[in-house]
C-alpha atoms as a PDB file:
ATOM      1  CA  MET A   1     -19.880   9.554   0.752  1.00  0.00           C
ATOM      2  CA  ASP A   2     -17.471   7.385   2.286  1.00  0.00           C
ATOM      3  CA  ASP A   3     -16.231   5.132   0.412  1.00  0.00           C
ATOM      4  CA  SER A   4     -14.386   3.040   3.675  1.00  0.00           C
ATOM      5  CA  THR A   5     -18.090   1.999   4.643  1.00  0.00           C
ATOM      6  CA  GLN A   6     -20.027   1.892   1.070  1.00  0.00           C
ATOM      7  CA  ASN A   7     -20.542  -0.876  -0.697  1.00  0.00           C
ATOM      8  CA  ILE A   8     -21.030   0.184  -4.053  1.00  0.00           C
ATOM      9  CA  ALA A   9     -22.369  -2.992  -5.634  1.00  0.00           C
ATOM     10  CA  VAL A  10     -25.191  -3.201  -2.924  1.00  0.00           C
ATOM     11  CA  LEU A  11     -25.954   0.848  -3.441  1.00  0.00           C
ATOM     12  CA  LEU A  12     -26.509   0.229  -7.117  1.00  0.00           C
ATOM     13  CA  GLU A  13     -28.718  -3.400  -6.840  1.00  0.00           C
ATOM     14  CA  SER A  14     -30.807  -1.112  -4.181  1.00  0.00           C
ATOM     15  CA  ARG A  15     -31.003   1.694  -6.113  1.00  0.00           C
ATOM     16  CA  MET A  16     -31.969   0.225  -9.632  1.00  0.00           C
ATOM     17  CA  GLY A  17     -35.368   0.054  -9.644  1.00  0.00           C
ATOM     18  CA  GLU A  18     -35.408   3.908  -9.089  1.00  0.00           C
ATOM     19  CA  MET A  19     -33.086   4.854 -11.836  1.00  0.00           C
ATOM     20  CA  SER A  20     -33.610   6.008 -15.744  1.00  0.00           C
ATOM     21  CA  LYS A  21     -33.413   3.855 -18.324  1.00  0.00           C
ATOM     22  CA  GLY A  22     -29.942   5.258 -18.942  1.00  0.00           C
ATOM     23  CA  HIS A  23     -28.709   4.857 -15.650  1.00  0.00           C
ATOM     24  CA  ARG A  24     -29.684   1.573 -15.195  1.00  0.00           C
ATOM     25  CA  LYS A  25     -27.422   0.507 -18.048  1.00  0.00           C
ATOM     26  CA  ILE A  26     -24.653   2.275 -16.167  1.00  0.00           C
ATOM     27  CA  ALA A  27     -25.178   0.442 -13.127  1.00  0.00           C
ATOM     28  CA  ARG A  28     -25.524  -3.219 -14.778  1.00  0.00           C
ATOM     29  CA  TYR A  29     -22.657  -2.516 -16.370  1.00  0.00           C
ATOM     30  CA  ILE A  30     -20.422  -1.862 -13.276  1.00  0.00           C
ATOM     31  CA  ILE A  31     -22.153  -4.514 -11.806  1.00  0.00           C
ATOM     32  CA  ASP A  32     -21.377  -7.285 -14.447  1.00  0.00           C
ATOM     33  CA  HIS A  33     -17.723  -5.541 -15.417  1.00  0.00           C
ATOM     34  CA  TYR A  34     -16.747  -3.954 -12.070  1.00  0.00           C
ATOM     35  CA  ASP A  35     -12.997  -5.094 -13.064  1.00  0.00           C
ATOM     36  CA  LYS A  36     -12.819  -2.911 -16.098  1.00  0.00           C
ATOM     37  CA  ALA A  37     -15.277   0.182 -14.932  1.00  0.00           C
ATOM     38  CA  ALA A  38     -13.211   0.909 -12.092  1.00  0.00           C
ATOM     39  CA  PHE A  39     -10.366   2.085 -14.413  1.00  0.00           C
ATOM     40  CA  MET A  40     -12.659   3.867 -17.183  1.00  0.00           C
ATOM     41  CA  THR A  41     -12.712   7.662 -17.520  1.00  0.00           C
ATOM     42  CA  ALA A  42     -16.357   8.869 -17.687  1.00  0.00           C
ATOM     43  CA  SER A  43     -15.901   9.225 -21.081  1.00  0.00           C
ATOM     44  CA  LYS A  44     -14.999   5.648 -21.612  1.00  0.00           C
ATOM     45  CA  LEU A  45     -18.277   4.325 -19.592  1.00  0.00           C
ATOM     46  CA  GLY A  46     -20.462   6.849 -21.724  1.00  0.00           C
ATOM     47  CA  THR A  47     -19.322   4.941 -24.592  1.00  0.00           C
ATOM     48  CA  GLU A  48     -18.948   1.374 -23.409  1.00  0.00           C
ATOM     49  CA  VAL A  49     -22.782   1.947 -22.587  1.00  0.00           C
ATOM     50  CA  GLY A  50     -24.055   4.213 -25.134  1.00  0.00           C
ATOM     51  CA  ILE A  51     -24.907   7.282 -23.206  1.00  0.00           C
ATOM     52  CA  SER A  52     -23.034  10.686 -23.076  1.00  0.00           C
ATOM     53  CA  GLU A  53     -20.467  11.474 -20.425  1.00  0.00           C
ATOM     54  CA  SER A  54     -22.330  13.846 -18.477  1.00  0.00           C
ATOM     55  CA  THR A  55     -25.105  11.465 -17.949  1.00  0.00           C
ATOM     56  CA  VAL A  56     -22.005   9.252 -16.354  1.00  0.00           C
ATOM     57  CA  VAL A  57     -21.200  12.819 -14.368  1.00  0.00           C
ATOM     58  CA  ARG A  58     -25.127  13.283 -13.156  1.00  0.00           C
ATOM     59  CA  PHE A  59     -25.712   8.745 -12.657  1.00  0.00           C
ATOM     60  CA  ALA A  60     -22.563   9.501 -10.029  1.00  0.00           C
ATOM     61  CA  THR A  61     -23.573  12.736  -8.302  1.00  0.00           C
ATOM     62  CA  GLU A  62     -27.376  11.004  -8.190  1.00  0.00           C
ATOM     63  CA  LEU A  63     -25.795   8.050  -6.298  1.00  0.00           C
ATOM     64  CA  GLY A  64     -24.647  10.621  -3.442  1.00  0.00           C
ATOM     65  CA  PHE A  65     -20.947  11.112  -4.828  1.00  0.00           C
ATOM     66  CA  GLU A  66     -19.808  14.498  -5.018  1.00  0.00           C
ATOM     67  CA  GLY A  67     -18.652  13.703  -8.501  1.00  0.00           C
ATOM     68  CA  TYR A  68     -17.548  10.818 -10.886  1.00  0.00           C
ATOM     69  CA  PRO A  69     -13.941  10.540  -9.573  1.00  0.00           C
ATOM     70  CA  GLU A  70     -15.095   9.994  -6.317  1.00  0.00           C
ATOM     71  CA  MET A  71     -17.860   6.997  -7.386  1.00  0.00           C
ATOM     72  CA  GLN A  72     -14.744   5.776  -9.445  1.00  0.00           C
ATOM     73  CA  LYS A  73     -12.306   5.544  -5.790  1.00  0.00           C
ATOM     74  CA  ALA A  74     -15.305   4.157  -4.242  1.00  0.00           C
ATOM     75  CA  LEU A  75     -15.452   1.346  -7.023  1.00  0.00           C
ATOM     76  CA  LYS A  76     -11.668   0.931  -7.064  1.00  0.00           C
ATOM     77  CA  GLY A  77     -11.846   0.081  -3.306  1.00  0.00           C
ATOM     78  CA  TYR A  78     -14.670  -2.470  -3.944  1.00  0.00           C
ATOM     79  CA  THR A  79     -12.703  -3.962  -6.793  1.00  0.00           C
ATOM     80  CA  SER A  80      -9.325  -3.714  -5.727  1.00  0.00           C
ATOM     81  CA  SER A  81      -9.820  -6.854  -3.077  1.00  0.00           C
ATOM     82  CA  ARG A  82     -12.026  -9.022  -5.760  1.00  0.00           C
ATOM     83  CA  MET A  83     -10.028  -8.817  -8.894  1.00  0.00           C
ATOM     84  CA  THR A  84      -8.176 -12.025  -9.814  1.00  0.00           C
ATOM     85  CA  SER A  85      -4.774 -12.487 -11.378  1.00  0.00           C
ATOM     86  CA  ILE A  86      -6.469 -13.088 -14.948  1.00  0.00           C
ATOM     87  CA  GLN A  87      -9.063  -9.807 -14.455  1.00  0.00           C
ATOM     88  CA  ARG A  88      -5.727  -7.551 -13.758  1.00  0.00           C
ATOM     89  CA  MET A  89      -4.538  -9.178 -17.008  1.00  0.00           C
ATOM     90  CA  ASP A  90      -7.111  -7.922 -18.837  1.00  0.00           C
ATOM     91  CA  VAL A  91      -7.110  -5.018 -17.424  1.00  0.00           C
ATOM     92  CA  MET A  92      -3.752  -4.401 -18.049  1.00  0.00           C
ATOM     93  CA  ASN A  93      -4.055  -5.553 -21.693  1.00  0.00           C
ATOM     94  CA  THR A  94      -7.003  -3.320 -21.829  1.00  0.00           C
ATOM     95  CA  GLN A  95      -5.152  -0.291 -20.674  1.00  0.00           C
ATOM     96  CA  LEU A  96      -2.052  -0.610 -21.891  1.00  0.00           C
ATOM     97  CA  THR A  97      -2.215  -2.082 -25.337  1.00  0.00           C
ATOM     98  CA  GLY A  98      -0.819   0.185 -28.280  1.00  0.00           C
ATOM     99  CA  GLU A  99       0.715   2.531 -25.379  1.00  0.00           C
ATOM    100  CA  ASP A 100       4.591   3.237 -24.496  1.00  0.00           C
ATOM    101  CA  VAL A 101       4.113   1.020 -21.442  1.00  0.00           C
ATOM    102  CA  LEU A 102       7.357   2.431 -19.890  1.00  0.00           C
ATOM    103  CA  SER A 103       5.739   6.483 -19.808  1.00  0.00           C
ATOM    104  CA  LYS A 104       2.838   5.399 -18.705  1.00  0.00           C
ATOM    105  CA  THR A 105       3.784   3.205 -15.827  1.00  0.00           C
ATOM    106  CA  LEU A 106       6.272   5.348 -14.316  1.00  0.00           C
ATOM    107  CA  ASN A 107       4.010   8.102 -14.797  1.00  0.00           C
ATOM    108  CA  PHE A 108       1.362   6.421 -13.138  1.00  0.00           C
ATOM    109  CA  ASP A 109       3.938   5.819 -10.170  1.00  0.00           C
ATOM    110  CA  ILE A 110       4.433   9.408 -10.004  1.00  0.00           C
ATOM    111  CA  ASP A 111       0.911  10.223  -9.909  1.00  0.00           C
ATOM    112  CA  GLN A 112       0.625   7.456  -6.919  1.00  0.00           C
ATOM    113  CA  ILE A 113       2.712   9.333  -4.536  1.00  0.00           C
ATOM    114  CA  ARG A 114       1.644  12.958  -5.509  1.00  0.00           C
ATOM    115  CA  LYS A 115      -1.842  11.192  -4.384  1.00  0.00           C
ATOM    116  CA  THR A 116      -0.510  10.004  -1.307  1.00  0.00           C
ATOM    117  CA  LEU A 117       0.998  13.195  -0.195  1.00  0.00           C
ATOM    118  CA  GLU A 118      -1.816  14.972  -0.300  1.00  0.00           C
ATOM    119  CA  GLU A 119      -3.725  13.109   1.435  1.00  0.00           C
ATOM    120  CA  ILE A 120      -1.860  11.376   4.053  1.00  0.00           C
ATOM    121  CA  ASP A 121      -3.132  12.829   7.619  1.00  0.00           C
ATOM    122  CA  ARG A 122       0.049  14.021   8.620  1.00  0.00           C
ATOM    123  CA  GLU A 123      -0.759  14.015  12.482  1.00  0.00           C
ATOM    124  CA  GLU A 124      -1.362  10.640  12.436  1.00  0.00           C
ATOM    125  CA  PHE A 125       2.198  10.428  11.188  1.00  0.00           C
ATOM    126  CA  GLU A 126       3.739  11.935  13.579  1.00  0.00           C
ATOM    127  CA  ARG A 127       1.931  10.618  15.950  1.00  0.00           C
ATOM    128  CA  THR A 128       3.022   6.958  14.317  1.00  0.00           C
ATOM    129  CA  VAL A 129       7.103   8.072  14.569  1.00  0.00           C
ATOM    130  CA  GLU A 130       6.674   9.004  18.476  1.00  0.00           C
ATOM    131  CA  GLU A 131       5.593   5.737  19.036  1.00  0.00           C
ATOM    132  CA  LEU A 132       7.943   3.833  17.191  1.00  0.00           C
ATOM    133  CA  SER A 133      10.588   6.018  18.620  1.00  0.00           C
ATOM    134  CA  ASN A 134       9.697   5.135  21.730  1.00  0.00           C
ATOM    135  CA  ALA A 135       8.962   0.912  21.500  1.00  0.00           C
ATOM    136  CA  ARG A 136      10.071  -1.841  23.068  1.00  0.00           C
ATOM    137  CA  SER A 137      10.328  -4.097  20.314  1.00  0.00           C
ATOM    138  CA  ILE A 138       8.652  -3.612  17.144  1.00  0.00           C
ATOM    139  CA  TYR A 139       7.333  -6.904  15.476  1.00  0.00           C
ATOM    140  CA  VAL A 140       6.876  -6.246  10.801  1.00  0.00           C
ATOM    141  CA  ILE A 141       4.704  -8.308   9.052  1.00  0.00           C
ATOM    142  CA  GLY A 142       4.183  -8.456   5.519  1.00  0.00           C
ATOM    143  CA  ALA A 143       2.899 -11.302   3.548  1.00  0.00           C
ATOM    144  CA  ARG A 144       3.402 -12.095  -0.719  1.00  0.00           C
ATOM    145  CA  SER A 145       4.418  -8.788  -2.237  1.00  0.00           C
ATOM    146  CA  ALA A 146       4.133  -6.784   0.575  1.00  0.00           C
ATOM    147  CA  ALA A 147       6.625  -8.954   2.654  1.00  0.00           C
ATOM    148  CA  VAL A 148      10.075  -6.830   0.347  1.00  0.00           C
ATOM    149  CA  LEU A 149       8.087  -3.896   2.395  1.00  0.00           C
ATOM    150  CA  ALA A 150       8.410  -5.582   5.253  1.00  0.00           C
ATOM    151  CA  ARG A 151      12.131  -7.135   5.065  1.00  0.00           C
ATOM    152  CA  TYR A 152      12.959  -3.258   3.981  1.00  0.00           C
ATOM    153  CA  ILE A 153      11.521  -1.777   7.373  1.00  0.00           C
ATOM    154  CA  VAL A 154      13.215  -4.273   9.676  1.00  0.00           C
ATOM    155  CA  PHE A 155      16.578  -3.751   7.745  1.00  0.00           C
ATOM    156  CA  TYR A 156      16.825  -0.095   8.838  1.00  0.00           C
ATOM    157  CA  PHE A 157      14.582  -0.145  11.924  1.00  0.00           C
ATOM    158  CA  ASN A 158      17.098  -3.250  13.392  1.00  0.00           C
ATOM    159  CA  ILE A 159      19.820  -0.060  13.134  1.00  0.00           C
ATOM    160  CA  MET A 160      17.626   2.450  14.994  1.00  0.00           C
ATOM    161  CA  VAL A 161      15.858  -0.136  17.778  1.00  0.00           C
ATOM    162  CA  ASP A 162      17.690  -2.573  19.576  1.00  0.00           C
ATOM    163  CA  ASN A 163      14.708  -5.077  18.855  1.00  0.00           C
ATOM    164  CA  CYS A 164      13.026  -5.519  15.672  1.00  0.00           C
ATOM    165  CA  LYS A 165      12.346  -8.862  13.903  1.00  0.00           C
ATOM    166  CA  ILE A 166      10.169  -9.604  10.697  1.00  0.00           C
ATOM    167  CA  VAL A 167       7.623 -12.011  11.096  1.00  0.00           C
ATOM    168  CA  HIS A 168       7.402 -14.676   8.819  1.00  0.00           C
ATOM    169  CA  THR A 169       4.252 -16.089   7.076  1.00  0.00           C
ATOM    170  CA  THR A 170       4.888 -19.427   6.009  1.00  0.00           C
ATOM    171  CA  SER A 171       2.051 -20.941   7.627  1.00  0.00           C
ATOM    172  CA  THR A 172      -0.177 -19.826  10.625  1.00  0.00           C
ATOM    173  CA  SER A 173       1.402 -22.168  13.486  1.00  0.00           C
ATOM    174  CA  GLU A 174       4.542 -20.586  12.639  1.00  0.00           C
ATOM    175  CA  MET A 175       3.630 -16.987  12.798  1.00  0.00           C
ATOM    176  CA  PHE A 176       1.389 -17.298  16.004  1.00  0.00           C
ATOM    177  CA  GLU A 177       4.822 -18.672  17.492  1.00  0.00           C
ATOM    178  CA  GLN A 178       6.886 -15.703  16.582  1.00  0.00           C
ATOM    179  CA  ILE A 179       4.681 -13.295  18.081  1.00  0.00           C
ATOM    180  CA  LEU A 180       3.212 -15.442  21.019  1.00  0.00           C
ATOM    181  CA  THR A 181       4.448 -12.951  23.794  1.00  0.00           C
ATOM    182  CA  ILE A 182       3.794  -9.776  21.864  1.00  0.00           C
ATOM    183  CA  GLY A 183       2.350  -7.117  24.447  1.00  0.00           C
ATOM    184  CA  PRO A 184       1.740  -3.964  26.073  1.00  0.00           C
ATOM    185  CA  GLY A 185       4.949  -1.525  24.767  1.00  0.00           C
ATOM    186  CA  ASP A 186       5.312  -3.603  21.783  1.00  0.00           C
ATOM    187  CA  ILE A 187       4.409  -2.889  18.230  1.00  0.00           C
ATOM    188  CA  MET A 188       3.477  -4.381  15.509  1.00  0.00           C
ATOM    189  CA  ILE A 189       3.392  -2.968  11.982  1.00  0.00           C
ATOM    190  CA  GLY A 190       1.734  -4.907   9.159  1.00  0.00           C
ATOM    191  CA  VAL A 191       1.706  -4.092   5.588  1.00  0.00           C
ATOM    192  CA  SER A 192      -0.915  -5.144   3.419  1.00  0.00           C
ATOM    193  CA  PHE A 193      -2.634  -3.889   0.088  1.00  0.00           C
ATOM    194  CA  PRO A 194      -4.841  -5.756  -2.721  1.00  0.00           C
ATOM    195  CA  ARG A 195      -5.353  -8.584  -2.256  1.00  0.00           C
ATOM    196  CA  TYR A 196      -5.263  -8.522   1.662  1.00  0.00           C
ATOM    197  CA  SER A 197      -3.450 -11.425   3.094  1.00  0.00           C
ATOM    198  CA  LYS A 198      -5.224 -13.365   6.177  1.00  0.00           C
ATOM    199  CA  HIS A 199      -1.859 -14.075   7.563  1.00  0.00           C
ATOM    200  CA  THR A 200      -1.824 -10.558   8.290  1.00  0.00           C
ATOM    201  CA  VAL A 201      -4.936  -9.348   9.411  1.00  0.00           C
ATOM    202  CA  LYS A 202      -5.045 -12.780  11.864  1.00  0.00           C
ATOM    203  CA  ALA A 203      -1.888 -11.554  13.137  1.00  0.00           C
ATOM    204  CA  PHE A 204      -3.376  -7.521  13.367  1.00  0.00           C
ATOM    205  CA  ASN A 205      -6.184  -9.289  15.776  1.00  0.00           C
ATOM    206  CA  TYR A 206      -3.939 -11.067  17.715  1.00  0.00           C
ATOM    207  CA  ALA A 207      -1.442  -8.044  18.185  1.00  0.00           C
ATOM    208  CA  HIS A 208      -4.550  -5.736  19.351  1.00  0.00           C
ATOM    209  CA  GLU A 209      -6.381  -8.374  21.480  1.00  0.00           C
ATOM    210  CA  ARG A 210      -2.918  -8.970  23.496  1.00  0.00           C
ATOM    211  CA  GLY A 211      -2.776  -4.894  23.779  1.00  0.00           C
ATOM    212  CA  ALA A 212       0.246  -4.205  21.577  1.00  0.00           C
ATOM    213  CA  LYS A 213       0.010  -0.983  19.623  1.00  0.00           C
ATOM    214  CA  VAL A 214      -1.311  -1.542  16.089  1.00  0.00           C
ATOM    215  CA  ILE A 215       0.313   0.200  12.710  1.00  0.00           C
ATOM    216  CA  ALA A 216      -1.201  -0.247   9.574  1.00  0.00           C
ATOM    217  CA  ILE A 217       0.296   0.405   6.485  1.00  0.00           C
ATOM    218  CA  THR A 218      -2.312   0.020   3.605  1.00  0.00           C
ATOM    219  CA  ASP A 219      -4.612   1.389   0.735  1.00  0.00           C
ATOM    220  CA  SER A 220      -7.389   2.954   2.746  1.00  0.00           C
ATOM    221  CA  LYS A 221      -9.734   3.100   5.410  1.00  0.00           C
ATOM    222  CA  ALA A 222     -11.801  -0.274   3.806  1.00  0.00           C
ATOM    223  CA  SER A 223      -8.705  -2.199   4.775  1.00  0.00           C
ATOM    224  CA  PRO A 224      -9.473  -5.526   6.934  1.00  0.00           C
ATOM    225  CA  LEU A 225      -6.272  -3.738   8.911  1.00  0.00           C
ATOM    226  CA  ALA A 226      -7.998  -0.482   9.796  1.00  0.00           C
ATOM    227  CA  LYS A 227     -10.534  -2.249  12.183  1.00  0.00           C
ATOM    228  CA  TYR A 228      -7.244  -3.312  14.761  1.00  0.00           C
ATOM    229  CA  ALA A 229      -5.053  -0.238  14.093  1.00  0.00           C
ATOM    230  CA  ASP A 230      -4.205   2.192  16.324  1.00  0.00           C
ATOM    231  CA  PHE A 231      -2.514   4.243  13.708  1.00  0.00           C
ATOM    232  CA  LEU A 232      -3.329   4.165  10.039  1.00  0.00           C
ATOM    233  CA  LEU A 233      -0.706   5.225   7.416  1.00  0.00           C
ATOM    234  CA  THR A 234      -2.370   5.024   3.869  1.00  0.00           C
ATOM    235  CA  ALA A 235      -0.748   5.000   0.226  1.00  0.00           C
ATOM    236  CA  HIS A 236      -2.077   4.636  -2.852  1.00  0.00           C
ATOM    237  CA  SER A 237      -1.455   1.240  -4.792  1.00  0.00           C
ATOM    238  CA  ASP A 238      -3.900   0.952  -7.680  1.00  0.00           C
ATOM    239  CA  MET A 239      -1.778  -0.219 -10.219  1.00  0.00           C
ATOM    240  CA  ALA A 240      -3.921  -1.722 -13.184  1.00  0.00           C
ATOM    241  CA  SER A 241      -1.486  -5.087 -14.057  1.00  0.00           C
ATOM    242  CA  PHE A 242      -1.017  -7.954 -12.300  1.00  0.00           C
ATOM    243  CA  ALA A 243       1.972  -6.755 -10.522  1.00  0.00           C
ATOM    244  CA  ASP A 244       1.312  -4.352  -7.660  1.00  0.00           C
ATOM    245  CA  SER A 245       2.356  -0.840  -7.623  1.00  0.00           C
ATOM    246  CA  LEU A 246       4.202  -0.154  -4.033  1.00  0.00           C
ATOM    247  CA  VAL A 247       6.390   2.816  -4.862  1.00  0.00           C
ATOM    248  CA  ALA A 248       4.048   4.898  -3.184  1.00  0.00           C
ATOM    249  CA  PRO A 249       3.910   2.324  -0.049  1.00  0.00           C
ATOM    250  CA  MET A 250       7.517   2.146  -0.684  1.00  0.00           C
ATOM    251  CA  SER A 251       7.984   6.194  -0.582  1.00  0.00           C
ATOM    252  CA  LEU A 252       5.894   6.632   2.767  1.00  0.00           C
ATOM    253  CA  ILE A 253       7.931   3.839   4.406  1.00  0.00           C
ATOM    254  CA  ASN A 254      11.098   5.854   3.409  1.00  0.00           C
ATOM    255  CA  ALA A 255       9.445   8.651   5.461  1.00  0.00           C
ATOM    256  CA  LEU A 256       8.681   7.005   8.248  1.00  0.00           C
ATOM    257  CA  ILE A 257      12.383   5.519   8.600  1.00  0.00           C
ATOM    258  CA  SER A 258      13.878   9.242   8.279  1.00  0.00           C
ATOM    259  CA  ALA A 259      11.460  10.404  10.745  1.00  0.00           C
ATOM    260  CA  VAL A 260      12.317   7.467  13.392  1.00  0.00           C
ATOM    261  CA  GLY A 261      16.095   8.000  12.499  1.00  0.00           C
ATOM    262  CA  MET A 262      15.810  11.383  13.000  1.00  0.00           C
ATOM    263  CA  ARG A 263      13.854  11.581  16.485  1.00  0.00           C
ATOM    264  CA  LYS A 264      16.780   8.896  17.451  1.00  0.00           C
ATOM    265  CA  LYS A 265      19.920  10.692  16.008  1.00  0.00           C
ATOM    266  CA  ASP A 266      22.474  10.132  18.326  1.00  0.00           C
ATOM    267  CA  TYR A 267      21.796   6.667  18.402  1.00  0.00           C
ATOM    268  CA  VAL A 268      21.795   6.096  15.187  1.00  0.00           C
ATOM    269  CA  GLU A 269      25.055   7.611  14.653  1.00  0.00           C
ATOM    270  CA  ASN A 270      27.069   5.840  17.098  1.00  0.00           C
ATOM    271  CA  ASN A 271      25.254   2.120  15.804  1.00  0.00           C
ATOM    272  CA  PHE A 272      26.751   3.523  11.892  1.00  0.00           C
ATOM    273  CA  LYS A 273      30.128   4.255  13.573  1.00  0.00           C
ATOM    274  CA  THR A 274      30.357   0.904  14.824  1.00  0.00           C
ATOM    275  CA  LEU A 275      28.649  -0.508  11.666  1.00  0.00           C
ATOM    276  CA  GLU A 276      31.625   1.050   9.486  1.00  0.00           C
ATOM    277  CA  LYS A 277      34.303  -0.607  11.693  1.00  0.00           C
ATOM    278  CA  ILE A 278      33.010  -4.109  11.438  1.00  0.00           C
ATOM    279  CA  TRP A 279      32.299  -3.395   7.644  1.00  0.00           C
ATOM    280  CA  ASP A 280      35.898  -1.944   7.327  1.00  0.00           C
ATOM    281  CA  LYS A 281      37.605  -5.121   9.373  1.00  0.00           C
ATOM    282  CA  TYR A 282      35.566  -7.740   7.752  1.00  0.00           C
ATOM    283  CA  GLU A 283      35.839  -6.483   4.212  1.00  0.00           C
ATOM    284  CA  VAL A 284      32.252  -6.142   4.077  1.00  0.00           C
ATOM    285  CA  PHE A 285      32.023  -4.388   0.902  1.00  0.00           C
ATOM    286  CA  GLU A 286      33.796  -4.473  -2.324  1.00  0.00           C
ATOM    287  CA  LYS A 287      36.120  -1.079  -2.386  1.00  0.00           C
ATOM    288  CA  THR A 288      37.330  -0.023  -5.731  1.00  0.00           C
ATOM    289  CA  ASP A 289      39.564   2.520  -7.455  1.00  0.00           C
ATOM    290  CA  SER A 290      38.463   3.452 -10.936  1.00  0.00           C
ATOM    291  CA  ARG A 291      41.934   5.545 -11.242  1.00  0.00           C
ATOM    292  CA  ASN A 292      43.722   2.182 -10.689  1.00  0.00           C
ATOM    293  CA  ASP A 293      41.608   0.338 -12.547  1.00  0.00           C
ATOM    294  CA  ASP A 294      42.116   2.275 -15.353  1.00  0.00           C
ATOM    295  CA  GLU A 295      46.082   1.710 -14.730  1.00  0.00           C
ATOM    296  CA  SER A 296      45.669  -1.791 -14.414  1.00  0.00           C
ATOM    297  CA  ASP A 297      44.553  -1.819 -18.164  1.00  0.00           C
ATOM    298  CA  ILE A 298      47.848  -0.051 -19.314  1.00  0.00           C
ATOM    299  CA  ILE A 299      50.483  -2.235 -20.340  1.00  0.00           C
ATOM    300  CA  PRO A 300      54.001  -0.623 -19.234  1.00  0.00           C
END
């Protein structure tokens, strides 16, 4: 079953009449408490509704999923763009209360990178690198927490290409003024994760209609960015917290930057040689000498 097209709430409602009593209890709990159910194991969900873990697993397969993990993935996809910050807080408190928050959070992020690596479409990644290496101009957009990733992309791509610019999303009119002339030969990179930014989706639509290539960095094929994307790169970010987990997306972006840099090796090296001279001339970086620092503390 493709979780990019299947609305699990609609599926549950449509199948409710043919379910057994135990399965109806599961379905009703998921519909009423989707924000909590999405982060429960099969065992925990069974305990919550008063049935066995095996019944929960059978419930998932009878709905058409390969197993409980696939159903949970579909439920997380349905949940991610609907959860409010308050709901995320509740989930975080439930998941992390009494736990080693540091270890659990870091291990969760490690798992997000691992799953991203396992599921990434490598051919799509290589095609994206090729397109970026030959772009005339690159526009990068990301709103709210994704704005950090957008600025990071622009910081490094400005060293690798002649014309790369950030698209500010303070207002809709300002955004469209910045991308007014985008067209064939240009690329727009959009970064958005649940809850998805309407500004980013609108900019993607406009760039697509203007004939520019559109690259989406997002969480799944169900993302509203995917509809307009010529290239789709997905990374996991389903953190059970009010704070977005952007570790896997950042790692994916680092891989993209490195791959494009290798394609444009000579150009990048020449730019860095020039930059090093500028940095030295204008003393951009603080230079420290630990040996001299130590000696300065010695009274002659």
